[in-house]
Amino acid sequence: MLDDFMTRATLAGIGVAIAAAPLGCFVVWRRMAYFGDATAHAAILGVALSLTFQMSIFAGAMAVSLIMALTVTLLAGRGYAMDTLLGVLAHSALAFGLVAVSFLSGVRIDLMAYLFGDILAVSHADLAVIWGGAALVVALIAWRWSQLLTATLNEELAYASGFNPRREQLVLTLSLAVTVAVAIKVVGVLLIAAMLIIPAAAARSLARSPESMAVIAAVIGAVSAVAGLRAAYIFDTPAGPSIVCVAALLFACFSLLGWQSQRRAQ
């Protein structure tokens, strides 16, 4: 069954959706959307370094994404506004990555596949990496779920509860780096943030608890992956952007339903 490229692509999309769902909820709650974007943009530099040193794309992208996320965390609040810092680092990392790729000699690289994903070319090894990364992210978030929620709600409350919110930030940082690394093949570095934010934002109007929001976000992400791949197959459109388009349409529909229900309640 896994010999069918559409089956592998579907499983890859669902794997990324499962990894991105709980993490995306924290990105939305903490208003870290630009933080996720900056980490994703840094991954293209990791791709260039991986090709230069002939190492795993996954390892290179995860290492550089982790370094970027840690750098932003350490520099936050030290003389620059967060949005300014993220803007400088995100676009600088993307630019340096694109320039580094241009210097690669003797290496044939499809840059569009890394910028916008190439989910239809997912191999068995890619599938193992994606689902392994998704399992790691879900395990990390589940392990620190209550602590992460408390730190997100109030840092003083986290200190009073006996744990350091900075440590919980590091857990989110590691999870974000892993998610970025596994999602490159599916939606590319330019659209990873969309898979983090849009399903979680769509689930917000439907959820009644943090746990239900994470589950609903995973379902919305998985449905977006399956429907987006089907639409790409029918209309001959790029698979990665098609997945994000479906997620955006679901967000619009659920937001409209939530708005109408609020009006009725008033």
Protein backbone atom coordinates (compact mmCIF):
# COMPACT_ATOMS: atom_id res chain seq x y z
CA MET A 1 0.00 0.00 0.00
CA LEU A 2 2.86 2.40 0.81
CA ASP A 3 4.18 1.96 -2.73
CA ASP A 4 1.48 4.40 -3.89
CA PHE A 5 2.90 7.93 -3.85
CA MET A 6 -0.50 9.44 -2.98
CA THR A 7 -0.79 7.17 0.06
CA ARG A 8 2.66 8.22 1.27
CA ALA A 9 1.82 11.88 0.65
CA THR A 10 -1.43 11.58 2.59
CA LEU A 11 0.28 9.90 5.54
CA ALA A 12 2.99 12.58 5.49
CA GLY A 13 0.40 15.36 5.54
CA ILE A 14 -1.48 13.76 8.44
CA GLY A 15 1.79 13.29 10.35
CA VAL A 16 2.69 16.96 10.02
CA ALA A 17 -0.87 17.96 11.02
CA ILE A 18 -0.62 15.87 14.21
CA ALA A 19 2.75 17.43 15.09
CA ALA A 20 1.66 20.98 14.32
CA ALA A 21 -1.72 20.89 16.10
CA PRO A 22 -0.77 21.05 19.82
CA LEU A 23 2.24 23.23 19.10
CA GLY A 24 0.13 25.57 16.97
CA CYS A 25 -2.28 26.03 19.87
CA PHE A 26 0.53 27.37 22.04
CA VAL A 27 1.75 29.55 19.17
CA VAL A 28 -1.74 31.08 18.97
CA TRP A 29 -2.20 31.41 22.74
CA ARG A 30 1.23 33.00 23.22
CA ARG A 31 0.91 35.15 20.08
CA MET A 32 4.12 33.64 18.70
CA ALA A 33 3.08 33.53 15.04
CA TYR A 34 6.06 35.56 13.85
CA PHE A 35 8.33 33.47 16.08
CA GLY A 36 7.27 30.35 14.17
CA ASP A 37 7.80 32.16 10.87
CA ALA A 38 11.33 33.18 11.84
CA THR A 39 12.24 29.64 12.87
CA ALA A 40 10.84 28.24 9.61
CA HIS A 41 12.72 30.74 7.45
CA ALA A 42 15.98 29.77 9.13
CA ALA A 43 15.49 26.19 7.95
CA ILE A 44 16.55 27.07 4.37
CA LEU A 45 20.01 27.91 5.74
CA GLY A 46 20.00 24.47 7.38
CA VAL A 47 19.18 22.91 4.01
CA ALA A 48 22.15 24.68 2.40
CA LEU A 49 24.52 23.59 5.17
CA SER A 50 23.22 20.00 4.97
CA LEU A 51 23.91 19.85 1.24
CA THR A 52 27.34 21.44 1.72
CA PHE A 53 28.47 18.95 4.35
CA GLN A 54 26.52 16.02 2.84
CA MET A 55 24.45 15.40 5.93
CA SER A 56 20.76 14.75 6.57
CA ILE A 57 18.43 17.57 5.49
CA PHE A 58 16.31 16.85 8.56
CA ALA A 59 19.26 17.17 10.94
CA GLY A 60 20.57 20.37 9.33
CA ALA A 61 17.18 22.06 9.22
CA MET A 62 16.39 21.10 12.81
CA ALA A 63 19.79 22.29 14.09
CA VAL A 64 19.58 25.72 12.43
CA SER A 65 15.90 26.13 13.38
CA LEU A 66 16.77 25.31 16.99
CA ILE A 67 19.67 27.79 16.97
CA MET A 68 17.37 30.48 15.55
CA ALA A 69 14.65 29.82 18.12
CA LEU A 70 17.16 29.83 21.00
CA THR A 71 18.74 33.04 19.70
CA VAL A 72 15.38 34.81 19.60
CA THR A 73 14.56 33.55 23.10
CA LEU A 74 17.88 34.76 24.52
CA LEU A 75 17.84 38.16 22.79
CA ALA A 76 14.21 38.98 23.58
CA GLY A 77 13.82 42.03 25.79
CA ARG A 78 17.43 43.20 25.40
CA GLY A 79 16.99 46.54 23.71
CA TYR A 80 14.83 45.57 20.71
CA ALA A 81 11.12 45.03 20.37
CA MET A 82 10.24 41.40 19.68
CA ASP A 83 8.66 42.07 16.28
CA THR A 84 11.76 44.04 15.19
CA LEU A 85 14.10 41.29 16.34
CA LEU A 86 12.05 38.59 14.63
CA GLY A 87 11.82 40.60 11.41
CA VAL A 88 15.59 41.08 11.25
CA LEU A 89 16.46 37.46 12.09
CA ALA A 90 13.74 35.83 9.96
CA HIS A 91 14.51 37.61 6.72
CA SER A 92 18.27 37.61 7.30
CA ALA A 93 18.28 33.84 7.81
CA LEU A 94 16.18 33.30 4.69
CA ALA A 95 18.42 35.59 2.63
CA PHE A 96 21.65 33.98 3.89
CA GLY A 97 20.16 30.55 3.18
CA LEU A 98 19.23 31.45 -0.41
CA VAL A 99 22.67 32.97 -1.01
CA ALA A 100 24.38 29.91 0.50
CA VAL A 101 22.39 27.64 -1.84
CA SER A 102 23.59 29.64 -4.85
CA PHE A 103 27.21 28.90 -3.90
CA LEU A 104 26.71 25.13 -3.97
CA SER A 105 28.66 23.73 -6.90
CA GLY A 106 28.07 20.31 -8.35
CA VAL A 107 24.79 19.96 -6.43
CA ARG A 108 21.52 19.97 -8.31
CA ILE A 109 18.85 21.44 -6.06
CA ASP A 110 15.18 22.16 -6.63
CA LEU A 111 14.82 25.27 -4.49
CA MET A 112 11.04 25.43 -5.01
CA ALA A 113 10.70 22.02 -3.35
CA TYR A 114 12.23 23.40 -0.16
CA LEU A 115 10.38 26.73 -0.29
CA PHE A 116 6.92 25.32 -1.03
CA GLY A 117 7.28 21.61 -0.30
CA ASP A 118 7.29 18.49 -2.45
CA ILE A 119 4.93 16.20 -0.62
CA LEU A 120 4.34 13.98 -3.66
CA ALA A 121 8.02 12.97 -3.59
CA VAL A 122 7.92 11.71 0.01
CA SER A 123 9.86 8.45 0.35
CA HIS A 124 9.54 5.65 2.89
CA ALA A 125 12.50 7.13 4.80
CA ASP A 126 10.88 10.59 4.77
CA LEU A 127 7.69 9.06 6.10
CA ALA A 128 9.58 7.43 8.97
CA VAL A 129 11.26 10.76 9.84
CA ILE A 130 7.98 12.68 9.69
CA TRP A 131 6.08 10.27 11.93
CA GLY A 132 9.06 9.88 14.27
CA GLY A 133 9.27 13.67 14.62
CA ALA A 134 5.51 13.93 15.11
CA ALA A 135 5.64 11.31 17.87
CA LEU A 136 8.48 13.19 19.57
CA VAL A 137 6.64 16.52 19.45
CA VAL A 138 3.37 15.04 20.75
CA ALA A 139 5.24 13.22 23.53
CA LEU A 140 7.07 16.41 24.59
CA ILE A 141 3.90 18.52 24.61
CA ALA A 142 1.89 15.82 26.43
CA TRP A 143 4.66 15.42 29.04
CA ARG A 144 4.73 19.15 29.86
CA TRP A 145 1.11 19.99 29.02
CA SER A 146 -0.07 21.33 32.40
CA GLN A 147 3.19 23.21 32.99
CA LEU A 148 3.06 24.75 29.53
CA LEU A 149 -0.54 25.82 30.06
CA THR A 150 0.29 27.41 33.41
CA ALA A 151 3.33 29.24 32.00
CA THR A 152 1.23 30.45 29.06
CA LEU A 153 -1.49 31.73 31.37
CA ASN A 154 0.77 33.56 33.82
CA GLU A 155 4.53 33.43 34.43
CA GLU A 156 4.17 34.45 38.09
CA LEU A 157 1.73 31.60 38.61
CA ALA A 158 4.26 29.24 37.04
CA TYR A 159 6.95 30.38 39.47
CA ALA A 160 4.52 30.03 42.37
CA SER A 161 3.74 26.47 41.21
CA GLY A 162 7.41 25.58 41.50
CA PHE A 163 8.67 25.45 37.92
CA ASN A 164 10.56 27.81 35.63
CA PRO A 165 8.57 29.18 32.65
CA ARG A 166 11.86 29.65 30.76
CA ARG A 167 12.29 25.89 30.78
CA GLU A 168 8.82 25.46 29.31
CA GLN A 169 9.77 27.97 26.62
CA LEU A 170 12.72 25.73 25.76
CA VAL A 171 10.36 22.74 25.40
CA LEU A 172 8.27 24.75 22.93
CA THR A 173 11.44 25.86 21.14
CA LEU A 174 12.65 22.27 20.71
CA SER A 175 9.21 21.13 19.55
CA LEU A 176 9.05 23.98 17.04
CA ALA A 177 12.46 23.09 15.60
CA VAL A 178 11.44 19.44 15.15
CA THR A 179 8.13 20.41 13.54
CA VAL A 180 9.84 22.77 11.11
CA ALA A 181 12.32 20.07 10.14
CA VAL A 182 9.67 17.42 9.45
CA ALA A 183 7.32 19.84 7.64
CA ILE A 184 9.83 21.07 5.04
CA LYS A 185 9.06 18.17 2.71
CA VAL A 186 5.30 18.68 3.04
CA VAL A 187 4.62 22.43 2.79
CA GLY A 188 8.08 24.01 2.51
CA VAL A 189 9.71 26.64 4.72
CA LEU A 190 7.49 29.50 3.51
CA LEU A 191 4.22 27.79 4.47
CA ILE A 192 5.16 25.93 7.67
CA ALA A 193 3.86 28.76 9.85
CA ALA A 194 0.49 28.48 8.10
CA MET A 195 0.16 24.82 9.13
CA LEU A 196 0.96 25.83 12.70
CA ILE A 197 -1.39 28.78 12.96
CA ILE A 198 -4.41 28.24 10.68
CA PRO A 199 -5.74 24.89 12.06
CA ALA A 200 -5.26 26.10 15.64
CA ALA A 201 -6.97 29.41 14.89
CA ALA A 202 -9.85 27.59 13.18
CA ALA A 203 -10.25 25.25 16.17
CA ARG A 204 -10.40 28.15 18.63
CA SER A 205 -14.00 29.04 17.80
CA LEU A 206 -15.13 25.41 18.20
CA ALA A 207 -13.22 24.32 21.30
CA ARG A 208 -14.44 24.46 24.89
CA SER A 209 -11.13 23.54 26.55
CA PRO A 210 -7.40 23.67 25.69
CA GLU A 211 -7.30 19.90 25.17
CA SER A 212 -10.27 19.91 22.81
CA MET A 213 -8.71 22.78 20.85
CA ALA A 214 -5.54 20.71 20.26
CA VAL A 215 -7.58 17.68 19.13
CA ILE A 216 -9.84 19.74 16.83
CA ALA A 217 -6.77 21.49 15.37
CA ALA A 218 -5.25 18.09 14.57
CA VAL A 219 -8.47 17.00 12.84
CA ILE A 220 -8.67 20.24 10.84
CA GLY A 221 -5.01 19.88 9.83
CA ALA A 222 -5.50 16.27 8.76
CA VAL A 223 -8.65 17.10 6.78
CA SER A 224 -6.80 19.98 5.12
CA ALA A 225 -3.97 17.65 4.12
CA VAL A 226 -6.28 15.01 2.63
CA ALA A 227 -8.61 17.49 0.90
CA GLY A 228 -5.70 19.63 -0.30
CA LEU A 229 -3.97 16.65 -1.87
CA ARG A 230 -7.21 15.61 -3.55
CA ALA A 231 -7.72 19.13 -4.91
CA ALA A 232 -4.12 19.25 -6.15
CA TYR A 233 -4.65 15.93 -7.94
CA ILE A 234 -7.91 17.05 -9.58
CA PHE A 235 -6.97 20.61 -10.52
CA ASP A 236 -3.24 20.03 -11.10
CA THR A 237 -2.19 22.64 -8.53
CA PRO A 238 0.85 22.67 -6.18
CA ALA A 239 0.17 20.26 -3.31
CA GLY A 240 1.64 22.27 -0.41
CA PRO A 241 -0.15 25.54 -1.19
CA SER A 242 -3.37 23.60 -1.91
CA ILE A 243 -3.27 22.12 1.61
CA VAL A 244 -2.87 25.59 3.11
CA CYS A 245 -5.72 26.95 0.92
CA VAL A 246 -8.09 24.27 2.25
CA ALA A 247 -7.03 25.08 5.82
CA ALA A 248 -7.69 28.77 5.17
CA LEU A 249 -11.16 28.02 3.77
CA LEU A 250 -11.99 25.91 6.84
CA PHE A 251 -10.80 28.77 9.05
CA ALA A 252 -13.08 31.19 7.22
CA CYS A 253 -16.07 28.82 7.51
CA PHE A 254 -15.59 28.08 11.21
CA SER A 255 -14.95 31.75 12.00
CA LEU A 256 -18.19 32.70 10.24
CA LEU A 257 -20.12 30.02 12.13
CA GLY A 258 -18.62 31.19 15.42
CA TRP A 259 -19.51 34.81 14.65
CA GLN A 260 -23.10 33.87 13.80
CA SER A 261 -23.49 31.80 17.00
CA GLN A 262 -22.20 34.75 19.06
CA ARG A 263 -24.75 37.05 17.42
CA ARG A 264 -27.57 34.62 18.22
CA ALA A 265 -26.39 34.38 21.84
CA GLN A 266 -26.60 38.16 22.15
